[in-house]
Amino acid sequence: MSDVETNAPGAEGAAEALPRPFGSRYVLVDRIGVGGMAEIFLARGRTQSGVSRLAVVKLVLPKLAKDEKFSALLVQEAKLAAQLSHGNVVQTFDLGREAGRLYIAMEYVEGFDLNELLKRCSKQRVPLPFEFALLIVRETLSALDYAHRKRDAEGTPLNIVHRDVSPSNVLISFEGEVKLCDFGIARAINSGDVAQETIEGKASYMAPEHARGDSVDARADIFSASVILWELIGGRRMYRATPAADLISLAREGETPELPEKPLPDFERLRAIVRRGLSKSPAERYPTAIAMARDLDDYAMDNGLHATPLGLGEFVVEHFGQDILELRRARERAAIALEAEQLEPTDTREIVAPPRDAIEDDDASAEGALRATPITLPLAPTTAHASLPPASAHASGGHAQVAENFPTNFPPTPLPSMLPPPTAMVPDPMTPGAPPAEDQSINVRRLLALVLSAVATLAIGALILSRIAR
């Protein structure tokens, strides 16, 4: 079941024209969809240094934003997620309220979520090579290991658990990057008045203790990642609801079906890895995400299943990257035009520059927290550069599953030169571009004055010498 109703007509907020400004920092470009928690938009944001970039903006639905418990927990989880900075984790940029709407702004990943990628593979009858499937799961485990081990500045564990590791939250970029999004969002969703079907749709990947409402730790995420691996190998959903048992009931029981036989090398070894990750008891699972990732690495190396992010990106672009360009490009041009109207080339705006001792801290989530010295610079218009195919942003809580995307490769907004003009060189009067006649006459008068001064000096010197000789 999809977490997001993509561009559904009549859905909340769907009738508002796009692109349109949102607050002082964003232009909402495209409505990706609406889920049980938020409306999801692709947006152009402007950083405090004046650089324009794409982001995914989630506008929390008004009924949830009014829920104090939900809002408090969402803010708490978003603040934790904003501390994560890893190549396999979608960065949280911003959190706040604008025009009465609670929102989260996140990194935009140009590509597809795993759920959408598998749908396209099925529709176009393009099998996903198994070495890429292994790579996707290993990179997901890398993201989880980083988050599970994350500590604060004092060294205290943050105890971050994702709680919603599923194909719709695993994003694959056209560069072959694998990024996990929506850390902690599931916890907030479970606390609010979210549609029951949204929660049921996530049950397919829940660990048994999570489905039962018990406390969970990192091993619940390992179970969920193992479900994804099971499905990539098996080629179908692991849990199948029946009239006698819905998905939540199956998840609570935790009786996982045996992985069907497949013509893969050293299959029993692979099946043992999956079986351990799906153990009903958390104590019998892998103790850490990196432990499972190591076993998958060893299996891949021993069986020649080499894969790189570059190869994964080339596969995605070759088969699916070219059919989603034009609509996104058109909407991008419209967004750029709107932004240009708001920021005329001759306008001056206050750009906040971080203090020099904070420049080394490159955590995008901390941009708004840096104490800064304001300086005023003229803003130059932004120029679009559409050279790469577009991407998928996803989410029921974080990114949203995207049906259509557009390119996002933009050069930074050029800042005006702060250097003084170069010293003017005096051109030869006989060459084209020489100074006007008036300037030439001034130069001649100066030269004559210098000559007369020299002659007078010589005359006085001669007079003095003649008197001394007498």
Protein backbone atom coordinates (compact mmCIF):
# COMPACT_ATOMS: atom_id res chain seq x y z
CA MET A 1 0.00 0.00 0.00
CA SER A 2 1.41 3.37 -0.90
CA ASP A 3 1.96 5.79 1.93
CA VAL A 4 1.27 8.79 -0.28
CA GLU A 5 -1.62 9.70 -2.49
CA THR A 6 0.24 11.32 -5.36
CA ASN A 7 -1.27 14.55 -6.68
CA ALA A 8 -4.75 13.36 -5.82
CA PRO A 9 -7.42 15.74 -7.06
CA GLY A 10 -9.46 17.25 -4.32
CA ALA A 11 -6.91 16.41 -1.65
CA GLU A 12 -6.13 19.00 0.95
CA GLY A 13 -4.28 21.93 -0.59
CA ALA A 14 -4.27 20.42 -4.09
CA ALA A 15 -6.11 23.34 -5.69
CA GLU A 16 -3.50 25.97 -4.81
CA ALA A 17 -1.57 27.17 -7.83
CA LEU A 18 2.10 26.27 -8.13
CA PRO A 19 4.74 27.49 -8.06
CA ARG A 20 4.05 29.80 -5.11
CA PRO A 21 6.13 31.33 -2.32
CA PHE A 22 6.13 29.77 1.13
CA GLY A 23 7.48 32.10 3.76
CA SER A 24 10.62 34.08 3.02
CA ARG A 25 12.90 31.16 2.19
CA TYR A 26 11.00 28.75 -0.06
CA VAL A 27 9.12 28.60 -3.33
CA LEU A 28 6.87 25.54 -3.56
CA VAL A 29 7.45 24.14 -7.04
CA ASP A 30 5.49 20.91 -7.31
CA ARG A 31 3.02 19.07 -5.11
CA ILE A 32 4.42 15.57 -4.79
CA GLY A 33 1.48 14.14 -2.88
CA VAL A 34 -0.31 13.87 0.44
CA GLY A 35 -0.02 11.17 3.08
CA GLY A 36 -1.45 10.44 6.48
CA MET A 37 0.79 13.09 8.07
CA ALA A 38 1.62 15.82 5.59
CA GLU A 39 1.37 17.40 2.18
CA ILE A 40 4.70 17.01 0.43
CA PHE A 41 6.12 19.60 -1.95
CA LEU A 42 9.22 19.96 -4.00
CA ALA A 43 10.58 23.42 -3.25
CA ARG A 44 13.39 25.80 -4.03
CA GLY A 45 14.99 27.12 -0.87
CA ARG A 46 17.56 29.84 -0.31
CA THR A 47 20.26 29.29 2.30
CA GLN A 48 21.53 32.00 4.61
CA SER A 49 24.54 32.41 2.31
CA GLY A 50 22.18 33.16 -0.59
CA VAL A 51 22.63 29.87 -2.43
CA SER A 52 19.53 28.39 -4.05
CA ARG A 53 18.88 24.66 -3.70
CA LEU A 54 16.05 22.18 -3.99
CA ALA A 55 14.41 20.71 -0.93
CA VAL A 56 11.40 18.62 0.03
CA VAL A 57 9.01 20.58 2.24
CA LYS A 58 6.47 18.65 4.28
CA LEU A 59 3.52 20.70 5.47
CA VAL A 60 1.95 18.87 8.39
CA LEU A 61 -1.79 18.48 7.96
CA PRO A 62 -3.72 21.09 10.00
CA LYS A 63 -5.59 18.47 12.05
CA LEU A 64 -2.28 17.01 13.24
CA ALA A 65 -0.55 20.35 13.73
CA LYS A 66 -3.27 21.18 16.26
CA ASP A 67 -2.47 18.00 18.19
CA GLU A 68 -0.05 19.20 20.88
CA LYS A 69 1.29 15.73 21.66
CA PHE A 70 1.94 14.96 18.01
CA SER A 71 3.55 18.34 17.33
CA ALA A 72 5.83 18.14 20.36
CA LEU A 73 6.98 14.63 19.48
CA LEU A 74 7.48 15.51 15.81
CA VAL A 75 9.64 18.50 16.76
CA GLN A 76 11.63 16.34 19.16
CA GLU A 77 12.25 13.63 16.56
CA ALA A 78 13.07 16.15 13.83
CA LYS A 79 15.67 17.78 16.07
CA LEU A 80 17.29 14.39 16.60
CA ALA A 81 17.22 13.66 12.86
CA ALA A 82 18.79 17.04 12.13
CA GLN A 83 21.90 15.91 13.99
CA LEU A 84 22.48 13.10 11.50
CA SER A 85 25.01 13.84 8.79
CA HIS A 86 25.95 10.76 6.75
CA GLY A 87 26.17 9.89 3.09
CA ASN A 88 23.37 7.34 3.41
CA VAL A 89 20.99 9.55 5.41
CA VAL A 90 18.67 12.23 4.03
CA GLN A 91 19.59 15.51 5.70
CA THR A 92 16.97 17.48 7.63
CA PHE A 93 17.46 21.17 6.81
CA ASP A 94 14.79 23.10 8.61
CA LEU A 95 11.89 22.84 11.04
CA GLY A 96 9.38 25.50 11.97
CA ARG A 97 5.99 27.10 11.50
CA GLU A 98 5.04 29.30 8.58
CA ALA A 99 1.60 30.80 7.97
CA GLY A 100 0.27 28.63 10.78
CA ARG A 101 1.63 25.41 9.24
CA LEU A 102 4.19 23.18 10.94
CA TYR A 103 6.73 22.11 8.34
CA ILE A 104 9.94 20.12 7.89
CA ALA A 105 12.37 20.84 5.05
CA MET A 106 14.63 18.01 3.94
CA GLU A 107 17.28 17.21 1.37
CA TYR A 108 15.92 16.49 -2.09
CA VAL A 109 17.20 13.23 -3.56
CA GLU A 110 17.14 13.08 -7.33
CA GLY A 111 16.04 9.57 -8.20
CA PHE A 112 13.41 7.07 -7.01
CA ASP A 113 12.44 5.46 -3.77
CA LEU A 114 12.95 1.69 -3.78
CA ASN A 115 9.22 1.04 -3.92
CA GLU A 116 8.85 3.15 -7.07
CA LEU A 117 11.98 1.65 -8.62
CA LEU A 118 10.63 -1.88 -8.15
CA LYS A 119 7.28 -0.85 -9.65
CA ARG A 120 9.04 0.48 -12.72
CA CYS A 121 11.19 -2.65 -12.98
CA SER A 122 8.02 -4.75 -12.90
CA LYS A 123 6.12 -2.58 -15.37
CA GLN A 124 8.95 -2.45 -17.91
CA ARG A 125 10.06 -6.03 -17.26
CA VAL A 126 13.58 -4.95 -16.33
CA PRO A 127 15.00 -7.18 -13.60
CA LEU A 128 16.99 -5.50 -10.85
CA PRO A 129 20.42 -7.20 -10.84
CA PHE A 130 20.94 -9.04 -7.57
CA GLU A 131 24.28 -7.39 -6.88
CA PHE A 132 22.46 -4.02 -6.86
CA ALA A 133 19.83 -5.41 -4.49
CA LEU A 134 22.60 -6.42 -2.09
CA LEU A 135 24.22 -3.01 -2.42
CA ILE A 136 20.96 -1.24 -1.57
CA VAL A 137 20.45 -3.28 1.59
CA ARG A 138 24.09 -2.93 2.67
CA GLU A 139 23.96 0.86 2.23
CA THR A 140 20.69 0.98 4.18
CA LEU A 141 22.33 -0.97 7.00
CA SER A 142 25.22 1.51 6.93
CA ALA A 143 22.77 4.38 7.47
CA LEU A 144 21.14 2.52 10.34
CA ASP A 145 24.44 1.68 12.00
CA TYR A 146 25.47 5.34 11.92
CA ALA A 147 22.16 6.51 13.39
CA HIS A 148 22.08 3.80 16.06
CA ARG A 149 25.59 4.75 17.25
CA LYS A 150 25.07 8.53 17.12
CA ARG A 151 25.95 10.46 20.29
CA ASP A 152 25.46 14.08 21.27
CA ALA A 153 28.23 16.59 21.94
CA GLU A 154 28.63 15.28 25.50
CA GLY A 155 29.00 11.69 24.29
CA THR A 156 25.56 10.56 25.42
CA PRO A 157 23.88 8.06 23.06
CA LEU A 158 20.89 9.55 21.25
CA ASN A 159 19.22 6.12 21.04
CA ILE A 160 17.80 6.86 17.60
CA VAL A 161 15.58 4.14 16.15
CA HIS A 162 14.08 4.66 12.71
CA ARG A 163 10.92 2.56 13.25
CA ASP A 164 9.85 2.75 9.59
CA VAL A 165 12.54 1.10 7.46
CA SER A 166 10.60 0.24 4.30
CA PRO A 167 11.12 0.49 0.51
CA SER A 168 9.28 3.82 0.37
CA ASN A 169 11.85 5.34 2.76
CA VAL A 170 14.91 4.01 0.91
CA LEU A 171 15.83 6.52 -1.79
CA ILE A 172 18.10 5.77 -4.75
CA SER A 173 19.55 8.73 -6.61
CA PHE A 174 20.57 8.91 -10.24
CA GLU A 175 24.14 9.05 -8.96
CA GLY A 176 23.64 5.64 -7.33
CA GLU A 177 23.47 6.99 -3.78
CA VAL A 178 21.26 5.08 -1.35
CA LYS A 179 19.74 7.29 1.34
CA LEU A 180 17.39 6.50 4.19
CA CYS A 181 14.84 9.15 5.14
CA ASP A 182 12.24 9.88 7.82
CA PHE A 183 14.13 8.98 10.99
CA GLY A 184 11.79 8.99 13.97
CA ILE A 185 8.75 10.12 12.00
CA ALA A 186 6.96 6.83 12.67
CA ARG A 187 7.04 7.51 16.41
CA ALA A 188 5.23 10.81 15.93
CA ILE A 189 2.74 9.26 13.53
CA ASN A 190 1.81 6.58 16.05
CA SER A 191 1.09 9.28 18.64
CA GLY A 192 -1.29 11.32 16.48
CA ASP A 193 -4.65 10.99 14.81
CA VAL A 194 -3.25 9.41 11.65
CA ALA A 195 -5.40 7.34 9.32
CA GLN A 196 -5.38 3.69 10.37
CA GLU A 197 -4.65 2.53 6.83
CA THR A 198 -1.39 4.47 6.91
CA ILE A 199 -0.25 2.57 9.99
CA GLU A 200 -1.44 -0.73 8.54
CA GLY A 201 0.52 -0.06 5.37
CA LYS A 202 3.70 0.07 7.43
CA ALA A 203 2.97 -3.16 9.26
CA SER A 204 4.53 -5.25 6.49
CA TYR A 205 7.98 -4.22 7.71
CA MET A 206 7.42 -3.98 11.47
CA ALA A 207 9.32 -6.13 13.90
CA PRO A 208 7.00 -8.25 16.10
CA GLU A 209 7.73 -6.21 19.23
CA HIS A 210 7.00 -2.99 17.36
CA ALA A 211 3.68 -4.30 16.02
CA ARG A 212 2.70 -5.34 19.53
CA GLY A 213 3.44 -1.85 20.89
CA ASP A 214 6.39 -2.97 23.03
CA SER A 215 9.52 -0.87 23.44
CA VAL A 216 11.92 -1.16 20.51
CA ASP A 217 15.63 -0.71 19.94
CA ALA A 218 18.04 -0.87 17.01
CA ARG A 219 17.26 -4.55 16.41
CA ALA A 220 13.73 -3.63 15.27
CA ASP A 221 15.29 -1.70 12.38
CA ILE A 222 17.49 -4.71 11.55
CA PHE A 223 14.35 -6.83 11.29
CA SER A 224 12.79 -4.31 8.89
CA ALA A 225 15.89 -4.19 6.70
CA SER A 226 15.85 -8.00 6.60
CA VAL A 227 12.26 -7.93 5.32
CA ILE A 228 13.41 -5.72 2.45
CA LEU A 229 16.22 -8.18 1.68
CA TRP A 230 13.75 -11.10 1.81
CA GLU A 231 11.45 -9.36 -0.68
CA LEU A 232 14.28 -8.40 -3.05
CA ILE A 233 15.40 -12.03 -3.14
CA GLY A 234 11.93 -13.57 -3.17
CA GLY A 235 10.48 -11.14 -5.70
CA ARG A 236 7.25 -10.61 -3.73
CA ARG A 237 5.88 -9.28 -0.45
CA MET A 238 6.93 -11.31 2.56
CA TYR A 239 3.65 -10.91 4.46
CA ARG A 240 0.37 -11.51 2.64
CA ALA A 241 -2.86 -10.52 4.35
CA THR A 242 -5.74 -12.98 4.36
CA PRO A 243 -9.38 -12.74 5.47
CA ALA A 244 -8.31 -14.48 8.66
CA ALA A 245 -5.25 -12.33 9.40
CA ASP A 246 -4.46 -8.75 8.47
CA LEU A 247 -0.92 -7.41 8.14
CA ILE A 248 -0.69 -6.10 11.70
CA SER A 249 -1.75 -9.48 13.06
CA LEU A 250 0.89 -11.23 10.95
CA ALA A 251 3.53 -8.76 12.09
CA ARG A 252 2.64 -9.29 15.76
CA GLU A 253 3.03 -13.03 15.38
CA GLY A 254 6.39 -12.62 13.63
CA GLU A 255 6.14 -15.98 11.88
CA THR A 256 8.14 -15.16 8.79
CA PRO A 257 7.84 -17.50 5.79
CA GLU A 258 10.92 -19.37 4.58
CA LEU A 259 12.78 -17.66 1.77
CA PRO A 260 11.82 -19.38 -1.50
CA GLU A 261 14.56 -21.20 -3.37
CA LYS A 262 16.35 -19.05 -5.96
CA PRO A 263 19.18 -19.80 -8.40
CA LEU A 264 21.69 -17.67 -6.53
CA PRO A 265 25.24 -18.65 -5.56
CA ASP A 266 25.78 -20.17 -2.11
CA PHE A 267 22.06 -19.78 -1.49
CA GLU A 268 21.96 -21.52 1.88
CA ARG A 269 24.51 -19.07 3.25
CA LEU A 270 22.35 -16.18 2.03
CA ARG A 271 19.24 -17.77 3.47
CA ALA A 272 20.97 -18.08 6.87
CA ILE A 273 21.77 -14.35 6.88
CA VAL A 274 18.15 -13.46 6.12
CA ARG A 275 16.83 -15.95 8.67
CA ARG A 276 18.99 -14.46 11.45
CA GLY A 277 17.90 -10.91 10.60
CA LEU A 278 14.26 -12.01 10.80
CA SER A 279 14.49 -13.86 14.10
CA LYS A 280 11.32 -13.47 16.13
CA SER A 281 13.31 -12.78 19.27
CA PRO A 282 15.44 -9.62 19.19
CA ALA A 283 18.15 -11.46 21.16
CA GLU A 284 18.61 -13.92 18.30
CA ARG A 285 18.97 -11.26 15.59
CA TYR A 286 22.15 -9.52 14.56
CA PRO A 287 23.18 -7.31 17.49
CA THR A 288 24.07 -4.38 15.21
CA ALA A 289 23.31 -3.28 11.69
CA ILE A 290 26.99 -3.29 10.78
CA ALA A 291 27.31 -6.95 11.81
CA MET A 292 24.66 -7.91 9.26
CA ALA A 293 26.25 -5.61 6.66
CA ARG A 294 29.60 -7.37 7.13
CA ASP A 295 28.05 -10.77 6.54
CA LEU A 296 26.44 -9.47 3.34
CA ASP A 297 29.75 -7.90 2.26
CA ASP A 298 31.58 -11.18 2.80
CA TYR A 299 28.92 -13.11 0.92
CA ALA A 300 29.06 -10.66 -2.03
CA MET A 301 32.88 -10.71 -2.16
CA ASP A 302 33.13 -14.49 -1.95
CA ASN A 303 30.62 -14.93 -4.78
CA GLY A 304 31.81 -12.20 -7.12
CA LEU A 305 28.69 -10.07 -6.68
CA HIS A 306 30.51 -6.77 -6.97
CA ALA A 307 28.49 -3.58 -7.30
CA THR A 308 29.24 0.11 -6.97
CA PRO A 309 27.02 3.17 -6.53
CA LEU A 310 28.23 4.37 -9.94
CA GLY A 311 26.97 1.16 -11.57
CA LEU A 312 23.65 1.39 -9.73
CA GLY A 313 23.19 4.98 -10.87
CA GLU A 314 23.96 4.09 -14.48
CA PHE A 315 21.40 1.27 -14.33
CA VAL A 316 18.66 3.55 -12.98
CA VAL A 317 19.33 6.35 -15.47
CA GLU A 318 19.63 4.01 -18.45
CA HIS A 319 16.32 2.28 -17.86
CA PHE A 320 14.15 4.83 -16.08
CA GLY A 321 15.79 8.25 -16.00
CA GLN A 322 14.72 9.75 -19.31
CA ASP A 323 10.96 9.50 -19.13
CA ILE A 324 10.40 12.05 -16.34
CA LEU A 325 12.30 15.12 -17.53
CA GLU A 326 10.04 17.49 -19.43
CA LEU A 327 7.32 18.13 -16.87
CA ARG A 328 9.84 18.82 -14.14
CA ARG A 329 11.83 21.10 -16.42
CA ALA A 330 8.75 23.15 -17.23
CA ARG A 331 7.87 23.53 -13.56
CA GLU A 332 11.45 24.41 -12.69
CA ARG A 333 11.43 27.21 -15.25
CA ALA A 334 8.20 28.52 -13.77
CA ALA A 335 9.70 28.44 -10.27
CA ILE A 336 12.83 30.27 -11.41
CA ALA A 337 10.72 32.92 -13.08
CA LEU A 338 8.72 33.41 -9.89
CA GLU A 339 11.87 33.65 -7.83
CA ALA A 340 13.32 36.18 -10.27
CA GLU A 341 10.22 38.34 -9.83
CA GLN A 342 10.71 38.29 -6.06
CA LEU A 343 14.46 38.91 -6.22
CA GLU A 344 15.22 41.54 -8.86
CA PRO A 345 18.89 41.72 -9.89
CA THR A 346 19.13 45.27 -8.48
CA ASP A 347 17.53 44.43 -5.16
CA THR A 348 19.61 44.33 -2.01
CA ARG A 349 18.80 41.80 0.67
CA GLU A 350 20.41 41.00 3.97
CA ILE A 351 22.46 37.84 3.77
CA VAL A 352 23.64 36.41 7.05
CA ALA A 353 27.21 35.18 7.01
CA PRO A 354 28.35 32.81 9.79
CA PRO A 355 31.25 33.91 12.02
CA ARG A 356 34.66 32.71 10.89
CA ASP A 357 34.99 30.22 13.72
CA ALA A 358 31.73 28.56 12.67
CA ILE A 359 32.58 28.15 8.99
CA GLU A 360 34.20 24.77 9.56
CA ASP A 361 30.94 23.43 10.99
CA ASP A 362 29.27 22.27 7.78
CA ASP A 363 26.16 20.83 9.40
CA ALA A 364 23.32 22.15 7.23
CA SER A 365 20.85 21.60 10.06
CA ALA A 366 22.71 24.14 12.21
CA GLU A 367 22.55 26.99 9.68
CA GLY A 368 19.76 28.79 11.42
CA ALA A 369 21.36 28.40 14.84
CA LEU A 370 24.68 30.06 13.98
CA ARG A 371 25.19 33.49 15.45
CA ALA A 372 26.07 35.64 12.48
CA THR A 373 27.24 39.01 11.31
CA PRO A 374 24.79 40.54 8.80
CA ILE A 375 26.16 42.08 5.62
CA THR A 376 24.23 43.57 2.73
CA LEU A 377 24.97 42.38 -0.78
CA PRO A 378 23.14 42.80 -4.10
CA LEU A 379 21.56 39.53 -5.19
CA ALA A 380 22.14 38.15 -8.65
CA PRO A 381 19.39 36.28 -10.50
CA THR A 382 19.47 32.49 -10.30
CA THR A 383 20.16 30.57 -13.48
CA ALA A 384 18.78 27.07 -14.00
CA HIS A 385 20.97 24.30 -15.31
CA ALA A 386 18.94 21.24 -16.30
CA SER A 387 21.53 18.65 -17.22
CA LEU A 388 20.53 15.61 -15.20
CA PRO A 389 17.36 13.59 -15.09
CA PRO A 390 15.02 14.30 -12.16
CA ALA A 391 14.29 12.54 -9.02
CA SER A 392 12.07 10.98 -6.53
CA ALA A 393 11.36 12.47 -3.18
CA HIS A 394 9.38 10.31 -0.89
CA ALA A 395 7.32 10.05 2.20
CA SER A 396 4.47 9.56 4.44
CA GLY A 397 6.36 11.37 7.09
CA GLY A 398 9.58 12.47 5.45
CA HIS A 399 9.92 12.33 1.70
CA ALA A 400 6.99 11.47 -0.47
CA GLN A 401 6.81 8.94 -3.22
CA VAL A 402 7.07 10.83 -6.48
CA ALA A 403 5.29 10.08 -9.71
CA GLU A 404 6.98 12.81 -11.69
CA ASN A 405 10.16 14.74 -11.15
CA PHE A 406 12.34 17.36 -12.71
CA PRO A 407 16.01 18.15 -12.90
CA THR A 408 17.60 19.89 -9.97
CA ASN A 409 21.16 20.60 -10.93
CA PHE A 410 21.58 24.29 -10.22
CA PRO A 411 24.81 26.19 -9.91
CA PRO A 412 25.11 28.31 -6.77
CA THR A 413 23.67 31.79 -7.04
CA PRO A 414 26.65 33.93 -8.12
CA LEU A 415 27.63 36.52 -5.53
CA PRO A 416 28.94 39.87 -6.76
CA SER A 417 32.67 40.45 -6.66
CA MET A 418 33.82 42.16 -3.47
CA LEU A 419 37.22 43.13 -4.98
CA PRO A 420 37.96 46.79 -5.82
CA PRO A 421 38.27 47.64 -9.54
CA PRO A 422 41.75 47.10 -10.97
CA THR A 423 44.04 50.13 -11.26
CA ALA A 424 43.46 51.85 -14.60
CA MET A 425 46.31 51.62 -17.07
CA VAL A 426 47.12 54.72 -19.20
CA PRO A 427 46.79 53.68 -22.84
CA ASP A 428 49.05 54.87 -25.63
CA PRO A 429 47.49 58.07 -27.17
CA MET A 430 48.21 56.70 -30.63
CA THR A 431 46.24 53.53 -30.14
CA PRO A 432 42.46 53.00 -30.42
CA GLY A 433 40.74 53.60 -27.12
CA ALA A 434 43.11 56.44 -26.12
CA PRO A 435 41.76 59.03 -23.66
CA PRO A 436 39.85 62.08 -24.94
CA ALA A 437 41.68 65.18 -26.23
CA GLU A 438 40.92 67.07 -23.02
CA ASP A 439 42.71 64.40 -20.97
CA GLN A 440 45.63 64.50 -23.42
CA SER A 441 46.00 68.31 -23.01
CA ILE A 442 46.07 67.91 -19.23
CA ASN A 443 48.85 65.36 -19.55
CA VAL A 444 50.86 67.75 -21.89
CA ARG A 445 50.52 70.64 -19.41
CA ARG A 446 51.78 68.41 -16.60
CA LEU A 447 54.77 67.39 -18.74
CA LEU A 448 55.63 71.04 -19.55
CA ALA A 449 55.45 71.97 -15.89
CA LEU A 450 57.89 69.20 -15.05
CA VAL A 451 60.31 70.38 -17.79
CA LEU A 452 60.18 74.02 -16.65
CA SER A 453 60.75 72.95 -13.06
CA ALA A 454 63.82 70.98 -14.11
CA VAL A 455 65.21 73.93 -16.15
CA ALA A 456 64.72 76.31 -13.22
CA THR A 457 66.50 73.93 -10.90
CA LEU A 458 69.45 73.68 -13.26
CA ALA A 459 69.64 77.50 -13.64
CA ILE A 460 69.68 78.06 -9.90
CA GLY A 461 72.36 75.41 -9.50
CA ALA A 462 74.53 77.04 -12.19
CA LEU A 463 74.19 80.45 -10.49
CA ILE A 464 75.26 79.06 -7.11
CA LEU A 465 78.29 77.33 -8.62
CA SER A 466 79.41 80.51 -10.42
CA ARG A 467 79.31 82.53 -7.16
CA ILE A 468 81.32 79.89 -5.31
CA ALA A 469 83.95 79.94 -8.08
CA ARG A 470 84.48 83.69 -7.56
